[in-house]
Amino acid sequence: NGISVTKSVVTYAAGEETANTSVVILYLLWLAAGAISG
């Protein structure tokens, strides 16, 4: 749920473009960590 919250909070603080970038980074980090952990 925090991923969607991150997008909302970063959009407020730094704009939609930065928020989208932040979500992509989060996705990539979790995907890498999840693949290794799995």
PDB file of all heavy atoms in Angstrom:
ATOM      1  N   ASN A   1       0.836  -1.210   0.000  1.00  0.00           N
ATOM      2  CA  ASN A   1       0.000   0.000   0.000  1.00  0.00           C
ATOM      3  C   ASN A   1       0.868   1.256   0.000  1.00  0.00           C
ATOM      4  O   ASN A   1       0.474   2.302  -0.519  1.00  0.00           O
ATOM      5  CB  ASN A   1      -0.904   0.011   1.232  1.00  0.00           C
ATOM      6  CG  ASN A   1      -2.029  -0.999   1.140  1.00  0.00           C
ATOM      7  OD1 ASN A   1      -2.107  -1.762   0.177  1.00  0.00           O
ATOM      8  ND2 ASN A   1      -2.886  -1.032   2.136  1.00  0.00           N
ATOM      9  N   GLY A   2       2.060   1.133   0.595  1.00  0.00           N
ATOM     10  CA  GLY A   2       2.956   2.281   0.693  1.00  0.00           C
ATOM     11  C   GLY A   2       3.473   2.772  -0.637  1.00  0.00           C
ATOM     12  O   GLY A   2       3.879   3.938  -0.750  1.00  0.00           O
ATOM     13  N   ILE A   3       3.474   1.919  -1.650  1.00  0.00           N
ATOM     14  CA  ILE A   3       3.936   2.355  -2.976  1.00  0.00           C
ATOM     15  C   ILE A   3       3.013   3.440  -3.529  1.00  0.00           C
ATOM     16  O   ILE A   3       3.472   4.458  -4.051  1.00  0.00           O
ATOM     17  CB  ILE A   3       4.028   1.158  -3.944  1.00  0.00           C
ATOM     18  CG1 ILE A   3       5.155   0.227  -3.502  1.00  0.00           C
ATOM     19  CG2 ILE A   3       4.271   1.642  -5.373  1.00  0.00           C
ATOM     20  CD1 ILE A   3       5.298  -1.022  -4.343  1.00  0.00           C
ATOM     21  N   SER A   4       1.693   3.219  -3.402  1.00  0.00           N
ATOM     22  CA  SER A   4       0.747   4.242  -3.877  1.00  0.00           C
ATOM     23  C   SER A   4       0.831   5.495  -3.016  1.00  0.00           C
ATOM     24  O   SER A   4       0.682   6.621  -3.512  1.00  0.00           O
ATOM     25  CB  SER A   4      -0.681   3.689  -3.879  1.00  0.00           C
ATOM     26  OG  SER A   4      -1.093   3.361  -2.560  1.00  0.00           O
ATOM     27  N   VAL A   5       1.078   5.308  -1.707  1.00  0.00           N
ATOM     28  CA  VAL A   5       1.248   6.454  -0.817  1.00  0.00           C
ATOM     29  C   VAL A   5       2.485   7.257  -1.212  1.00  0.00           C
ATOM     30  O   VAL A   5       2.459   8.492  -1.222  1.00  0.00           O
ATOM     31  CB  VAL A   5       1.360   5.989   0.651  1.00  0.00           C
ATOM     32  CG1 VAL A   5       1.700   7.163   1.558  1.00  0.00           C
ATOM     33  CG2 VAL A   5       0.060   5.345   1.101  1.00  0.00           C
ATOM     34  N   THR A   6       3.551   6.555  -1.532  1.00  0.00           N
ATOM     35  CA  THR A   6       4.786   7.220  -1.962  1.00  0.00           C
ATOM     36  C   THR A   6       4.530   8.112  -3.168  1.00  0.00           C
ATOM     37  O   THR A   6       5.006   9.253  -3.224  1.00  0.00           O
ATOM     38  CB  THR A   6       5.868   6.178  -2.308  1.00  0.00           C
ATOM     39  OG1 THR A   6       6.161   5.408  -1.147  1.00  0.00           O
ATOM     40  CG2 THR A   6       7.130   6.851  -2.809  1.00  0.00           C
ATOM     41  N   LYS A   7       3.759   7.594  -4.110  1.00  0.00           N
ATOM     42  CA  LYS A   7       3.446   8.387  -5.304  1.00  0.00           C
ATOM     43  C   LYS A   7       2.684   9.655  -4.930  1.00  0.00           C
ATOM     44  O   LYS A   7       2.988  10.740  -5.434  1.00  0.00           O
ATOM     45  CB  LYS A   7       2.632   7.548  -6.296  1.00  0.00           C
ATOM     46  CG  LYS A   7       2.357   8.289  -7.598  1.00  0.00           C
ATOM     47  CD  LYS A   7       1.654   7.399  -8.608  1.00  0.00           C
ATOM     48  CE  LYS A   7       1.419   8.177  -9.909  1.00  0.00           C
ATOM     49  NZ  LYS A   7       0.733   7.343 -10.929  1.00  0.00           N
ATOM     50  N   SER A   8       1.701   9.536  -4.032  1.00  0.00           N
ATOM     51  CA  SER A   8       0.906  10.698  -3.627  1.00  0.00           C
ATOM     52  C   SER A   8       1.751  11.727  -2.879  1.00  0.00           C
ATOM     53  O   SER A   8       1.673  12.932  -3.152  1.00  0.00           O
ATOM     54  CB  SER A   8      -0.260  10.253  -2.740  1.00  0.00           C
ATOM     55  OG  SER A   8      -1.145   9.418  -3.438  1.00  0.00           O
ATOM     56  N   VAL A   9       2.571  11.234  -1.941  1.00  0.00           N
ATOM     57  CA  VAL A   9       3.385  12.142  -1.117  1.00  0.00           C
ATOM     58  C   VAL A   9       4.449  12.839  -1.961  1.00  0.00           C
ATOM     59  O   VAL A   9       4.649  14.057  -1.845  1.00  0.00           O
ATOM     60  CB  VAL A   9       4.031  11.365   0.049  1.00  0.00           C
ATOM     61  CG1 VAL A   9       5.050  12.244   0.774  1.00  0.00           C
ATOM     62  CG2 VAL A   9       2.960  10.877   1.015  1.00  0.00           C
ATOM     63  N   VAL A  10       5.127  12.083  -2.825  1.00  0.00           N
ATOM     64  CA  VAL A  10       6.180  12.678  -3.664  1.00  0.00           C
ATOM     65  C   VAL A  10       5.571  13.625  -4.692  1.00  0.00           C
ATOM     66  O   VAL A  10       6.173  14.652  -5.032  1.00  0.00           O
ATOM     67  CB  VAL A  10       7.023  11.575  -4.347  1.00  0.00           C
ATOM     68  CG1 VAL A  10       8.052  12.190  -5.294  1.00  0.00           C
ATOM     69  CG2 VAL A  10       7.717  10.720  -3.305  1.00  0.00           C
ATOM     70  N   THR A  11       4.366  13.312  -5.174  1.00  0.00           N
ATOM     71  CA  THR A  11       3.683  14.233  -6.094  1.00  0.00           C
ATOM     72  C   THR A  11       3.443  15.571  -5.414  1.00  0.00           C
ATOM     73  O   THR A  11       3.658  16.634  -6.015  1.00  0.00           O
ATOM     74  CB  THR A  11       2.342  13.635  -6.556  1.00  0.00           C
ATOM     75  OG1 THR A  11       2.588  12.431  -7.275  1.00  0.00           O
ATOM     76  CG2 THR A  11       1.597  14.618  -7.461  1.00  0.00           C
ATOM     77  N   TYR A  12       3.001  15.529  -4.161  1.00  0.00           N
ATOM     78  CA  TYR A  12       2.796  16.769  -3.401  1.00  0.00           C
ATOM     79  C   TYR A  12       4.111  17.516  -3.186  1.00  0.00           C
ATOM     80  O   TYR A  12       4.173  18.740  -3.341  1.00  0.00           O
ATOM     81  CB  TYR A  12       2.157  16.459  -2.051  1.00  0.00           C
ATOM     82  CG  TYR A  12       2.252  17.605  -1.065  1.00  0.00           C
ATOM     83  CD1 TYR A  12       1.435  18.731  -1.191  1.00  0.00           C
ATOM     84  CD2 TYR A  12       3.187  17.575  -0.018  1.00  0.00           C
ATOM     85  CE1 TYR A  12       1.547  19.792  -0.299  1.00  0.00           C
ATOM     86  CE2 TYR A  12       3.295  18.628   0.868  1.00  0.00           C
ATOM     87  CZ  TYR A  12       2.474  19.733   0.725  1.00  0.00           C
ATOM     88  OH  TYR A  12       2.589  20.792   1.598  1.00  0.00           O
ATOM     89  N   ALA A  13       5.162  16.777  -2.866  1.00  0.00           N
ATOM     90  CA  ALA A  13       6.434  17.409  -2.496  1.00  0.00           C
ATOM     91  C   ALA A  13       7.272  17.832  -3.697  1.00  0.00           C
ATOM     92  O   ALA A  13       7.927  18.883  -3.657  1.00  0.00           O
ATOM     93  CB  ALA A  13       7.247  16.458  -1.618  1.00  0.00           C
ATOM     94  N   ALA A  14       7.242  17.027  -4.774  1.00  0.00           N
ATOM     95  CA  ALA A  14       8.188  17.304  -5.868  1.00  0.00           C
ATOM     96  C   ALA A  14       7.598  17.199  -7.260  1.00  0.00           C
ATOM     97  O   ALA A  14       8.328  17.344  -8.249  1.00  0.00           O
ATOM     98  CB  ALA A  14       9.373  16.347  -5.747  1.00  0.00           C
ATOM     99  N   GLY A  15       6.319  16.924  -7.382  1.00  0.00           N
ATOM    100  CA  GLY A  15       5.706  16.875  -8.701  1.00  0.00           C
ATOM    101  C   GLY A  15       5.484  15.460  -9.200  1.00  0.00           C
ATOM    102  O   GLY A  15       6.089  14.498  -8.712  1.00  0.00           O
ATOM    103  N   GLU A  16       4.619  15.337 -10.197  1.00  0.00           N
ATOM    104  CA  GLU A  16       4.204  14.023 -10.699  1.00  0.00           C
ATOM    105  C   GLU A  16       5.338  13.271 -11.379  1.00  0.00           C
ATOM    106  O   GLU A  16       5.457  12.052 -11.228  1.00  0.00           O
ATOM    107  CB  GLU A  16       3.034  14.193 -11.672  1.00  0.00           C
ATOM    108  CG  GLU A  16       2.413  12.875 -12.107  1.00  0.00           C
ATOM    109  CD  GLU A  16       1.159  13.061 -12.936  1.00  0.00           C
ATOM    110  OE1 GLU A  16       0.694  14.210 -13.073  1.00  0.00           O
ATOM    111  OE2 GLU A  16       0.653  12.046 -13.460  1.00  0.00           O
ATOM    112  N   GLU A  17       6.177  13.973 -12.124  1.00  0.00           N
ATOM    113  CA  GLU A  17       7.268  13.301 -12.836  1.00  0.00           C
ATOM    114  C   GLU A  17       8.233  12.630 -11.850  1.00  0.00           C
ATOM    115  O   GLU A  17       8.629  11.479 -12.033  1.00  0.00           O
ATOM    116  CB  GLU A  17       8.018  14.304 -13.707  1.00  0.00           C
ATOM    117  CG  GLU A  17       9.083  13.659 -14.583  1.00  0.00           C
ATOM    118  CD  GLU A  17       9.752  14.654 -15.520  1.00  0.00           C
ATOM    119  OE1 GLU A  17       9.223  15.774 -15.685  1.00  0.00           O
ATOM    120  OE2 GLU A  17      10.812  14.308 -16.082  1.00  0.00           O
ATOM    121  N   THR A  18       8.583  13.345 -10.804  1.00  0.00           N
ATOM    122  CA  THR A  18       9.462  12.784  -9.778  1.00  0.00           C
ATOM    123  C   THR A  18       8.790  11.623  -9.054  1.00  0.00           C
ATOM    124  O   THR A  18       9.440  10.625  -8.712  1.00  0.00           O
ATOM    125  CB  THR A  18       9.845  13.869  -8.742  1.00  0.00           C
ATOM    126  OG1 THR A  18      10.423  14.983  -9.417  1.00  0.00           O
ATOM    127  CG2 THR A  18      10.830  13.317  -7.725  1.00  0.00           C
ATOM    128  N   ALA A  19       7.482  11.745  -8.845  1.00  0.00           N
ATOM    129  CA  ALA A  19       6.734  10.681  -8.178  1.00  0.00           C
ATOM    130  C   ALA A  19       6.744   9.407  -9.013  1.00  0.00           C
ATOM    131  O   ALA A  19       6.958   8.301  -8.484  1.00  0.00           O
ATOM    132  CB  ALA A  19       5.302  11.132  -7.920  1.00  0.00           C
ATOM    133  N   ASN A  20       6.541   9.538 -10.314  1.00  0.00           N
ATOM    134  CA  ASN A  20       6.561   8.372 -11.197  1.00  0.00           C
ATOM    135  C   ASN A  20       7.936   7.712 -11.208  1.00  0.00           C
ATOM    136  O   ASN A  20       8.052   6.486 -11.200  1.00  0.00           O
ATOM    137  CB  ASN A  20       6.167   8.781 -12.616  1.00  0.00           C
ATOM    138  CG  ASN A  20       4.696   9.149 -12.720  1.00  0.00           C
ATOM    139  OD1 ASN A  20       3.864   8.677 -11.941  1.00  0.00           O
ATOM    140  ND2 ASN A  20       4.353  10.005 -13.672  1.00  0.00           N
ATOM    141  N   THR A  21       8.963   8.541 -11.209  1.00  0.00           N
ATOM    142  CA  THR A  21      10.332   8.017 -11.165  1.00  0.00           C
ATOM    143  C   THR A  21      10.578   7.273  -9.859  1.00  0.00           C
ATOM    144  O   THR A  21      11.200   6.201  -9.842  1.00  0.00           O
ATOM    145  CB  THR A  21      11.358   9.159 -11.311  1.00  0.00           C
ATOM    146  OG1 THR A  21      11.115   9.866 -12.531  1.00  0.00           O
ATOM    147  CG2 THR A  21      12.776   8.617 -11.314  1.00  0.00           C
ATOM    148  N   SER A  22      10.089   7.822  -8.767  1.00  0.00           N
ATOM    149  CA  SER A  22      10.253   7.193  -7.451  1.00  0.00           C
ATOM    150  C   SER A  22       9.586   5.826  -7.401  1.00  0.00           C
ATOM    151  O   SER A  22      10.150   4.861  -6.857  1.00  0.00           O
ATOM    152  CB  SER A  22       9.668   8.087  -6.356  1.00  0.00           C
ATOM    153  OG  SER A  22      10.311   9.343  -6.323  1.00  0.00           O
ATOM    154  N   VAL A  23       8.396   5.734  -7.979  1.00  0.00           N
ATOM    155  CA  VAL A  23       7.671   4.461  -7.988  1.00  0.00           C
ATOM    156  C   VAL A  23       8.426   3.429  -8.826  1.00  0.00           C
ATOM    157  O   VAL A  23       8.540   2.255  -8.422  1.00  0.00           O
ATOM    158  CB  VAL A  23       6.241   4.656  -8.527  1.00  0.00           C
ATOM    159  CG1 VAL A  23       5.564   3.302  -8.767  1.00  0.00           C
ATOM    160  CG2 VAL A  23       5.410   5.482  -7.552  1.00  0.00           C
ATOM    161  N   VAL A  24       8.949   3.847  -9.958  1.00  0.00           N
ATOM    162  CA  VAL A  24       9.720   2.926 -10.819  1.00  0.00           C
ATOM    163  C   VAL A  24      10.946   2.406 -10.069  1.00  0.00           C
ATOM    164  O   VAL A  24      11.265   1.212 -10.116  1.00  0.00           O
ATOM    165  CB  VAL A  24      10.139   3.620 -12.130  1.00  0.00           C
ATOM    166  CG1 VAL A  24      11.129   2.753 -12.907  1.00  0.00           C
ATOM    167  CG2 VAL A  24       8.929   3.913 -12.997  1.00  0.00           C
ATOM    168  N   ILE A  25      11.635   3.298  -9.375  1.00  0.00           N
ATOM    169  CA  ILE A  25      12.810   2.904  -8.585  1.00  0.00           C
ATOM    170  C   ILE A  25      12.417   1.902  -7.502  1.00  0.00           C
ATOM    171  O   ILE A  25      13.103   0.892  -7.289  1.00  0.00           O
ATOM    172  CB  ILE A  25      13.494   4.140  -7.967  1.00  0.00           C
ATOM    173  CG1 ILE A  25      14.123   5.012  -9.074  1.00  0.00           C
ATOM    174  CG2 ILE A  25      14.566   3.717  -6.960  1.00  0.00           C
ATOM    175  CD1 ILE A  25      14.654   6.343  -8.574  1.00  0.00           C
ATOM    176  N   LEU A  26      11.321   2.190  -6.812  1.00  0.00           N
ATOM    177  CA  LEU A  26      10.833   1.262  -5.784  1.00  0.00           C
ATOM    178  C   LEU A  26      10.516  -0.106  -6.380  1.00  0.00           C
ATOM    179  O   LEU A  26      10.867  -1.152  -5.803  1.00  0.00           O
ATOM    180  CB  LEU A  26       9.586   1.828  -5.104  1.00  0.00           C
ATOM    181  CG  LEU A  26       9.786   2.849  -3.983  1.00  0.00           C
ATOM    182  CD1 LEU A  26       8.439   3.357  -3.491  1.00  0.00           C
ATOM    183  CD2 LEU A  26      10.565   2.231  -2.822  1.00  0.00           C
ATOM    184  N   TYR A  27       9.854  -0.092  -7.526  1.00  0.00           N
ATOM    185  CA  TYR A  27       9.512  -1.337  -8.200  1.00  0.00           C
ATOM    186  C   TYR A  27      10.782  -2.140  -8.498  1.00  0.00           C
ATOM    187  O   TYR A  27      10.860  -3.341  -8.217  1.00  0.00           O
ATOM    188  CB  TYR A  27       8.773  -1.049  -9.503  1.00  0.00           C
ATOM    189  CG  TYR A  27       7.260  -1.017  -9.378  1.00  0.00           C
ATOM    190  CD1 TYR A  27       6.656  -0.535  -8.220  1.00  0.00           C
ATOM    191  CD2 TYR A  27       6.436  -1.463 -10.406  1.00  0.00           C
ATOM    192  CE1 TYR A  27       5.283  -0.494  -8.102  1.00  0.00           C
ATOM    193  CE2 TYR A  27       5.054  -1.428 -10.296  1.00  0.00           C
ATOM    194  CZ  TYR A  27       4.481  -0.949  -9.140  1.00  0.00           C
ATOM    195  OH  TYR A  27       3.128  -0.931  -9.017  1.00  0.00           O
ATOM    196  N   LEU A  28      11.779  -1.490  -9.070  1.00  0.00           N
ATOM    197  CA  LEU A  28      13.014  -2.173  -9.467  1.00  0.00           C
ATOM    198  C   LEU A  28      13.753  -2.724  -8.242  1.00  0.00           C
ATOM    199  O   LEU A  28      14.271  -3.849  -8.273  1.00  0.00           O
ATOM    200  CB  LEU A  28      13.911  -1.217 -10.253  1.00  0.00           C
ATOM    201  CG  LEU A  28      13.382  -0.782 -11.627  1.00  0.00           C
ATOM    202  CD1 LEU A  28      14.305   0.258 -12.250  1.00  0.00           C
ATOM    203  CD2 LEU A  28      13.233  -1.988 -12.556  1.00  0.00           C
ATOM    204  N   LEU A  29      13.795  -1.936  -7.172  1.00  0.00           N
ATOM    205  CA  LEU A  29      14.483  -2.383  -5.958  1.00  0.00           C
ATOM    206  C   LEU A  29      13.790  -3.598  -5.348  1.00  0.00           C
ATOM    207  O   LEU A  29      14.452  -4.581  -4.976  1.00  0.00           O
ATOM    208  CB  LEU A  29      14.536  -1.240  -4.932  1.00  0.00           C
ATOM    209  CG  LEU A  29      15.485  -0.077  -5.260  1.00  0.00           C
ATOM    210  CD1 LEU A  29      15.319   1.050  -4.237  1.00  0.00           C
ATOM    211  CD2 LEU A  29      16.932  -0.560  -5.285  1.00  0.00           C
ATOM    212  N   TRP A  30      12.460  -3.539  -5.263  1.00  0.00           N
ATOM    213  CA  TRP A  30      11.722  -4.654  -4.685  1.00  0.00           C
ATOM    214  C   TRP A  30      11.792  -5.887  -5.587  1.00  0.00           C
ATOM    215  O   TRP A  30      11.895  -7.023  -5.088  1.00  0.00           O
ATOM    216  CB  TRP A  30      10.271  -4.278  -4.444  1.00  0.00           C
ATOM    217  CG  TRP A  30      10.007  -3.513  -3.183  1.00  0.00           C
ATOM    218  CD1 TRP A  30       9.446  -2.276  -3.062  1.00  0.00           C
ATOM    219  CD2 TRP A  30      10.294  -3.941  -1.841  1.00  0.00           C
ATOM    220  NE1 TRP A  30       9.358  -1.906  -1.742  1.00  0.00           N
ATOM    221  CE2 TRP A  30       9.876  -2.905  -0.966  1.00  0.00           C
ATOM    222  CE3 TRP A  30      10.868  -5.092  -1.298  1.00  0.00           C
ATOM    223  CZ2 TRP A  30      10.008  -2.998   0.417  1.00  0.00           C
ATOM    224  CZ3 TRP A  30      11.006  -5.186   0.083  1.00  0.00           C
ATOM    225  CH2 TRP A  30      10.581  -4.147   0.919  1.00  0.00           C
ATOM    226  N   LEU A  31      11.746  -5.680  -6.901  1.00  0.00           N
ATOM    227  CA  LEU A  31      11.833  -6.811  -7.829  1.00  0.00           C
ATOM    228  C   LEU A  31      13.182  -7.518  -7.697  1.00  0.00           C
ATOM    229  O   LEU A  31      13.254  -8.757  -7.665  1.00  0.00           O
ATOM    230  CB  LEU A  31      11.619  -6.341  -9.267  1.00  0.00           C
ATOM    231  CG  LEU A  31      10.189  -5.950  -9.649  1.00  0.00           C
ATOM    232  CD1 LEU A  31      10.155  -5.307 -11.027  1.00  0.00           C
ATOM    233  CD2 LEU A  31       9.267  -7.166  -9.616  1.00  0.00           C
ATOM    234  N   ALA A  32      14.248  -6.726  -7.603  1.00  0.00           N
ATOM    235  CA  ALA A  32      15.589  -7.320  -7.459  1.00  0.00           C
ATOM    236  C   ALA A  32      15.716  -8.043  -6.121  1.00  0.00           C
ATOM    237  O   ALA A  32      16.170  -9.198  -6.063  1.00  0.00           O
ATOM    238  CB  ALA A  32      16.651  -6.221  -7.578  1.00  0.00           C
ATOM    239  N   ALA A  33      15.305  -7.370  -5.043  1.00  0.00           N
ATOM    240  CA  ALA A  33      15.397  -7.974  -3.712  1.00  0.00           C
ATOM    241  C   ALA A  33      14.508  -9.217  -3.614  1.00  0.00           C
ATOM    242  O   ALA A  33      14.896 -10.228  -3.012  1.00  0.00           O
ATOM    243  CB  ALA A  33      14.991  -6.950  -2.651  1.00  0.00           C
ATOM    244  N   GLY A  34      13.319  -9.150  -4.213  1.00  0.00           N
ATOM    245  CA  GLY A  34      12.398 -10.278  -4.176  1.00  0.00           C
ATOM    246  C   GLY A  34      12.903 -11.480  -4.948  1.00  0.00           C
ATOM    247  O   GLY A  34      12.748 -12.622  -4.501  1.00  0.00           O
ATOM    248  N   ALA A  35      13.498 -11.230  -6.115  1.00  0.00           N
ATOM    249  CA  ALA A  35      14.031 -12.324  -6.929  1.00  0.00           C
ATOM    250  C   ALA A  35      15.172 -13.034  -6.199  1.00  0.00           C
ATOM    251  O   ALA A  35      15.231 -14.268  -6.159  1.00  0.00           O
ATOM    252  CB  ALA A  35      14.502 -11.791  -8.269  1.00  0.00           C
ATOM    253  N   ILE A  36      16.074 -12.251  -5.624  1.00  0.00           N
ATOM    254  CA  ILE A  36      17.201 -12.831  -4.872  1.00  0.00           C
ATOM    255  C   ILE A  36      16.695 -13.606  -3.658  1.00  0.00           C
ATOM    256  O   ILE A  36      17.123 -14.736  -3.385  1.00  0.00           O
ATOM    257  CB  ILE A  36      18.181 -11.724  -4.434  1.00  0.00           C
ATOM    258  CG1 ILE A  36      18.835 -11.089  -5.666  1.00  0.00           C
ATOM    259  CG2 ILE A  36      19.256 -12.289  -3.501  1.00  0.00           C
ATOM    260  CD1 ILE A  36      19.630  -9.830  -5.357  1.00  0.00           C
ATOM    261  N   SER A  37      15.764 -12.989  -2.914  1.00  0.00           N
ATOM    262  CA  SER A  37      15.226 -13.628  -1.712  1.00  0.00           C
ATOM    263  C   SER A  37      14.477 -14.912  -2.048  1.00  0.00           C
ATOM    264  O   SER A  37      14.606 -15.930  -1.357  1.00  0.00           O
ATOM    265  CB  SER A  37      14.293 -12.668  -0.979  1.00  0.00           C
ATOM    266  OG  SER A  37      14.987 -11.526  -0.540  1.00  0.00           O
ATOM    267  N   GLY A  38      13.693 -14.860  -3.122  1.00  0.00           N
ATOM    268  CA  GLY A  38      12.960 -16.048  -3.541  1.00  0.00           C
ATOM    269  C   GLY A  38      13.898 -17.193  -3.899  1.00  0.00           C
ATOM    270  O   GLY A  38      13.636 -18.359  -3.564  1.00  0.00           O
TER     271      GLY A  38
END
